[in-house]
């Protein structure tokens, strides 16, 4: 009888310990899952807080809208997604200019290239390029161009020297000809045929 009592007591203790272990594991798993969800949520919120997107309306020399450019702030710089129509076929210079003004038909109100570091023009220049210098656009036979360009030299964060959202604004400009990436001060790209103001 004494033997059975000891065995029963041992089994009771074993069952209690097993139940506690299972509960702890379940709670631990549940806690890990919740923490993962919370962390993902926090990461997403942080990403949303640092994300900045600005739409630029591109106008031609007649003051007609010919497309848009979406500017998005990313860790490595500013991504520009360009979607424009009704342009002449061929290669065209594409720059960020220093003033947020697009007065047709010549768009000279946009000033020179955005150049906060006082560099020389062009990727082929020893002291270049300007922050606003970007690769040429290739417009297809139907007059359209869709292109993504990452500019690592500019930001949409206010208060920085290279911010596109400075007090007087900045502008995107498409030129009639190709930028040779070396001629001063603007690459000999010809007339300005499309312009869009970068503003909040």
Protein backbone atom coordinates (compact mmCIF):
# COMPACT_ATOMS: atom_id res chain seq x y z
CA UNK A 1 0.00 0.00 0.00
CA UNK A 2 2.84 2.35 0.86
CA UNK A 3 4.48 1.57 -2.50
CA UNK A 4 1.31 2.56 -4.38
CA UNK A 5 1.04 5.81 -2.43
CA UNK A 6 4.62 6.78 -3.35
CA UNK A 7 4.04 5.88 -7.02
CA UNK A 8 0.81 7.90 -7.13
CA UNK A 9 2.56 10.92 -5.58
CA UNK A 10 5.42 10.67 -8.12
CA UNK A 11 2.98 10.51 -11.05
CA UNK A 12 1.06 13.52 -9.73
CA UNK A 13 4.23 15.62 -9.50
CA UNK A 14 5.29 14.51 -13.01
CA UNK A 15 1.92 15.50 -14.51
CA UNK A 16 1.99 18.91 -12.82
CA UNK A 17 5.53 19.65 -14.09
CA UNK A 18 4.61 18.54 -17.62
CA UNK A 19 1.55 20.79 -17.67
CA UNK A 20 3.57 23.80 -16.48
CA UNK A 21 6.22 23.21 -19.14
CA UNK A 22 3.64 23.05 -21.92
CA UNK A 23 1.94 26.25 -20.73
CA UNK A 24 5.28 28.09 -20.57
CA UNK A 25 6.20 26.99 -24.09
CA UNK A 26 2.83 28.07 -25.46
CA UNK A 27 3.12 31.43 -23.73
CA UNK A 28 6.66 31.82 -25.04
CA UNK A 29 5.59 31.00 -28.58
CA UNK A 30 2.66 33.35 -28.35
CA UNK A 31 4.88 36.10 -26.99
CA UNK A 32 7.39 35.62 -29.81
CA UNK A 33 4.67 35.81 -32.43
CA UNK A 34 3.24 38.94 -30.88
CA UNK A 35 6.65 40.54 -30.67
CA UNK A 36 7.28 39.76 -34.33
CA UNK A 37 4.00 41.34 -35.32
CA UNK A 38 4.69 44.40 -33.21
CA UNK A 39 8.19 44.82 -34.61
CA UNK A 40 6.96 44.50 -38.18
CA UNK A 41 4.28 47.04 -37.46
CA UNK A 42 6.80 49.44 -35.97
CA UNK A 43 9.14 49.01 -38.93
CA UNK A 44 6.31 49.72 -41.34
CA UNK A 45 5.27 52.83 -39.42
CA UNK A 46 8.84 54.09 -39.35
CA UNK A 47 9.14 53.50 -43.09
CA UNK A 48 5.94 55.40 -43.72
CA UNK A 49 7.11 58.30 -41.57
CA UNK A 50 10.38 58.68 -43.50
CA UNK A 51 8.77 58.20 -46.91
CA UNK A 52 8.17 61.40 -48.88
CA UNK A 53 6.50 61.47 -52.31
CA UNK A 54 5.97 64.56 -54.45
CA UNK A 55 4.20 64.76 -57.81
CA UNK A 56 5.58 67.20 -60.38
CA UNK A 57 3.41 68.24 -63.33
CA UNK A 58 5.51 68.62 -66.47
CA UNK A 59 4.44 71.38 -68.91
CA UNK A 60 5.51 72.02 -72.50
CA UNK A 61 6.35 75.37 -74.11
CA UNK A 62 2.65 76.00 -74.81
CA UNK A 63 1.82 75.63 -71.13
CA UNK A 64 0.12 72.27 -71.69
CA UNK A 65 0.61 69.38 -69.29
CA UNK A 66 2.56 66.56 -70.95
CA UNK A 67 3.11 64.20 -68.04
CA UNK A 68 4.29 63.81 -64.48
CA UNK A 69 7.31 62.96 -62.40
CA UNK A 70 6.97 61.19 -59.06
CA UNK A 71 9.77 62.03 -56.61
CA UNK A 72 10.27 59.62 -53.72
CA UNK A 73 12.73 59.96 -50.86
CA UNK A 74 14.76 56.80 -50.30
CA UNK A 75 17.72 55.92 -48.10
CA UNK A 76 20.20 56.31 -50.96
CA UNK A 77 18.75 59.51 -52.41
CA UNK A 78 15.74 60.66 -54.43
CA UNK A 79 14.04 58.38 -56.95
CA UNK A 80 12.46 60.14 -59.93
CA UNK A 81 9.82 58.23 -61.91
CA UNK A 82 9.20 60.15 -65.12
CA UNK A 83 6.22 59.56 -67.44
CA UNK A 84 5.97 62.15 -70.23
CA UNK A 85 4.36 62.27 -73.69
CA UNK A 86 4.35 64.55 -76.76
CA UNK A 87 8.10 65.09 -76.87
CA UNK A 88 10.36 65.06 -79.95
CA UNK A 89 11.93 61.68 -80.63
CA UNK A 90 15.59 61.34 -79.68
CA UNK A 91 18.04 62.04 -76.86
CA UNK A 92 17.31 64.87 -74.43
CA UNK A 93 19.13 66.41 -71.50
CA UNK A 94 17.30 66.13 -68.18
CA UNK A 95 18.25 68.22 -65.16
CA UNK A 96 17.12 69.62 -61.84
CA UNK A 97 17.23 73.43 -62.00
CA UNK A 98 17.81 75.81 -59.13
CA UNK A 99 14.51 77.76 -59.03
CA UNK A 100 10.94 76.52 -58.70
CA UNK A 101 9.51 78.52 -61.58
CA UNK A 102 8.41 77.36 -65.04
CA UNK A 103 7.37 80.35 -67.13
CA UNK A 104 6.69 79.31 -70.74
CA UNK A 105 7.81 79.36 -73.44
CA UNK A 106 11.55 79.33 -72.62
CA UNK A 107 11.48 78.29 -68.92
CA UNK A 108 14.50 80.50 -68.21
CA UNK A 109 12.79 81.39 -64.92
CA UNK A 110 14.01 78.02 -63.61
CA UNK A 111 17.56 79.39 -63.50
CA UNK A 112 20.66 77.25 -63.88
CA UNK A 113 21.29 73.70 -62.76
CA UNK A 114 20.80 72.88 -59.08
CA UNK A 115 24.36 73.08 -57.79
CA UNK A 116 24.62 73.58 -54.00
CA UNK A 117 28.22 72.32 -53.88
CA UNK A 118 29.44 74.75 -56.59
CA UNK A 119 30.70 71.89 -58.78
CA UNK A 120 31.38 71.88 -62.52
CA UNK A 121 28.82 70.49 -64.95
CA UNK A 122 28.80 66.93 -66.21
CA UNK A 123 29.85 63.44 -65.20
CA UNK A 124 32.87 63.76 -67.53
CA UNK A 125 34.09 66.90 -65.78
CA UNK A 126 36.94 66.55 -63.30
CA UNK A 127 35.12 68.75 -60.78
CA UNK A 128 31.60 67.57 -61.57
CA UNK A 129 28.82 66.83 -61.73
CA UNK A 130 26.18 69.26 -60.48
CA UNK A 131 23.72 67.78 -58.00
CA UNK A 132 21.07 68.44 -60.64
CA UNK A 133 22.90 66.66 -63.48
CA UNK A 134 21.19 63.43 -64.54
CA UNK A 135 21.43 60.95 -67.38
CA UNK A 136 19.92 61.77 -70.76
CA UNK A 137 16.42 60.67 -71.69
CA UNK A 138 15.66 58.57 -74.77
CA UNK A 139 12.28 59.53 -76.21
CA UNK A 140 10.70 56.88 -78.43
CA UNK A 141 9.19 57.41 -81.88
CA UNK A 142 5.73 57.89 -80.36
CA UNK A 143 7.00 60.83 -78.30
CA UNK A 144 6.87 59.10 -74.92
CA UNK A 145 9.45 58.43 -72.24
CA UNK A 146 9.06 56.42 -69.05
CA UNK A 147 12.14 56.23 -66.90
CA UNK A 148 13.30 55.76 -63.32
CA UNK A 149 16.33 57.76 -62.27
CA UNK A 150 17.99 57.63 -58.85
CA UNK A 151 19.73 60.88 -57.90
CA UNK A 152 21.95 60.22 -54.89
CA UNK A 153 23.08 63.85 -54.65
CA UNK A 154 19.72 65.37 -53.68
CA UNK A 155 17.13 64.90 -50.96
CA UNK A 156 13.54 65.80 -50.15
CA UNK A 157 14.48 66.39 -46.51
CA UNK A 158 14.05 70.05 -45.63
CA UNK A 159 16.84 72.11 -44.15
CA UNK A 160 19.70 70.36 -45.95
CA UNK A 161 21.94 72.12 -48.45
CA UNK A 162 21.01 69.61 -51.15
CA UNK A 163 17.27 69.67 -50.43
CA UNK A 164 14.99 70.11 -53.44
CA UNK A 165 12.44 71.70 -51.12
CA UNK A 166 14.39 74.86 -50.45
CA UNK A 167 12.55 78.14 -49.99
CA UNK A 168 12.65 79.22 -53.65
CA UNK A 169 11.94 75.69 -54.85
CA UNK A 170 13.55 73.72 -57.68
CA UNK A 171 12.40 72.44 -61.06
CA UNK A 172 12.76 69.52 -63.46
CA UNK A 173 13.69 70.53 -67.00
CA UNK A 174 13.87 68.55 -70.25
CA UNK A 175 16.04 70.03 -73.02
CA UNK A 176 15.72 69.92 -76.79
CA UNK A 177 19.10 68.27 -77.29
CA UNK A 178 21.50 65.83 -75.73
CA UNK A 179 23.66 66.77 -72.74
CA UNK A 180 27.31 66.07 -73.65
CA UNK A 181 28.17 65.80 -69.92
CA UNK A 182 31.20 68.06 -70.25
CA UNK A 183 30.44 71.49 -71.78
CA UNK A 184 30.10 74.34 -69.28
CA UNK A 185 27.88 75.45 -67.75
CA UNK A 186 25.05 73.15 -68.81
CA UNK A 187 26.13 70.49 -71.31
CA UNK A 188 25.09 72.29 -74.52
CA UNK A 189 21.68 70.62 -74.37
CA UNK A 190 19.80 73.40 -76.13
CA UNK A 191 16.41 74.93 -75.46
CA UNK A 192 14.21 73.96 -72.54
CA UNK A 193 11.15 72.18 -73.93
CA UNK A 194 9.44 70.93 -70.77
CA UNK A 195 9.46 72.05 -67.15
CA UNK A 196 7.87 71.12 -63.82
CA UNK A 197 8.07 72.80 -60.41
CA UNK A 198 9.19 70.68 -57.45
CA UNK A 199 7.12 71.79 -54.46
CA UNK A 200 5.19 70.29 -51.55
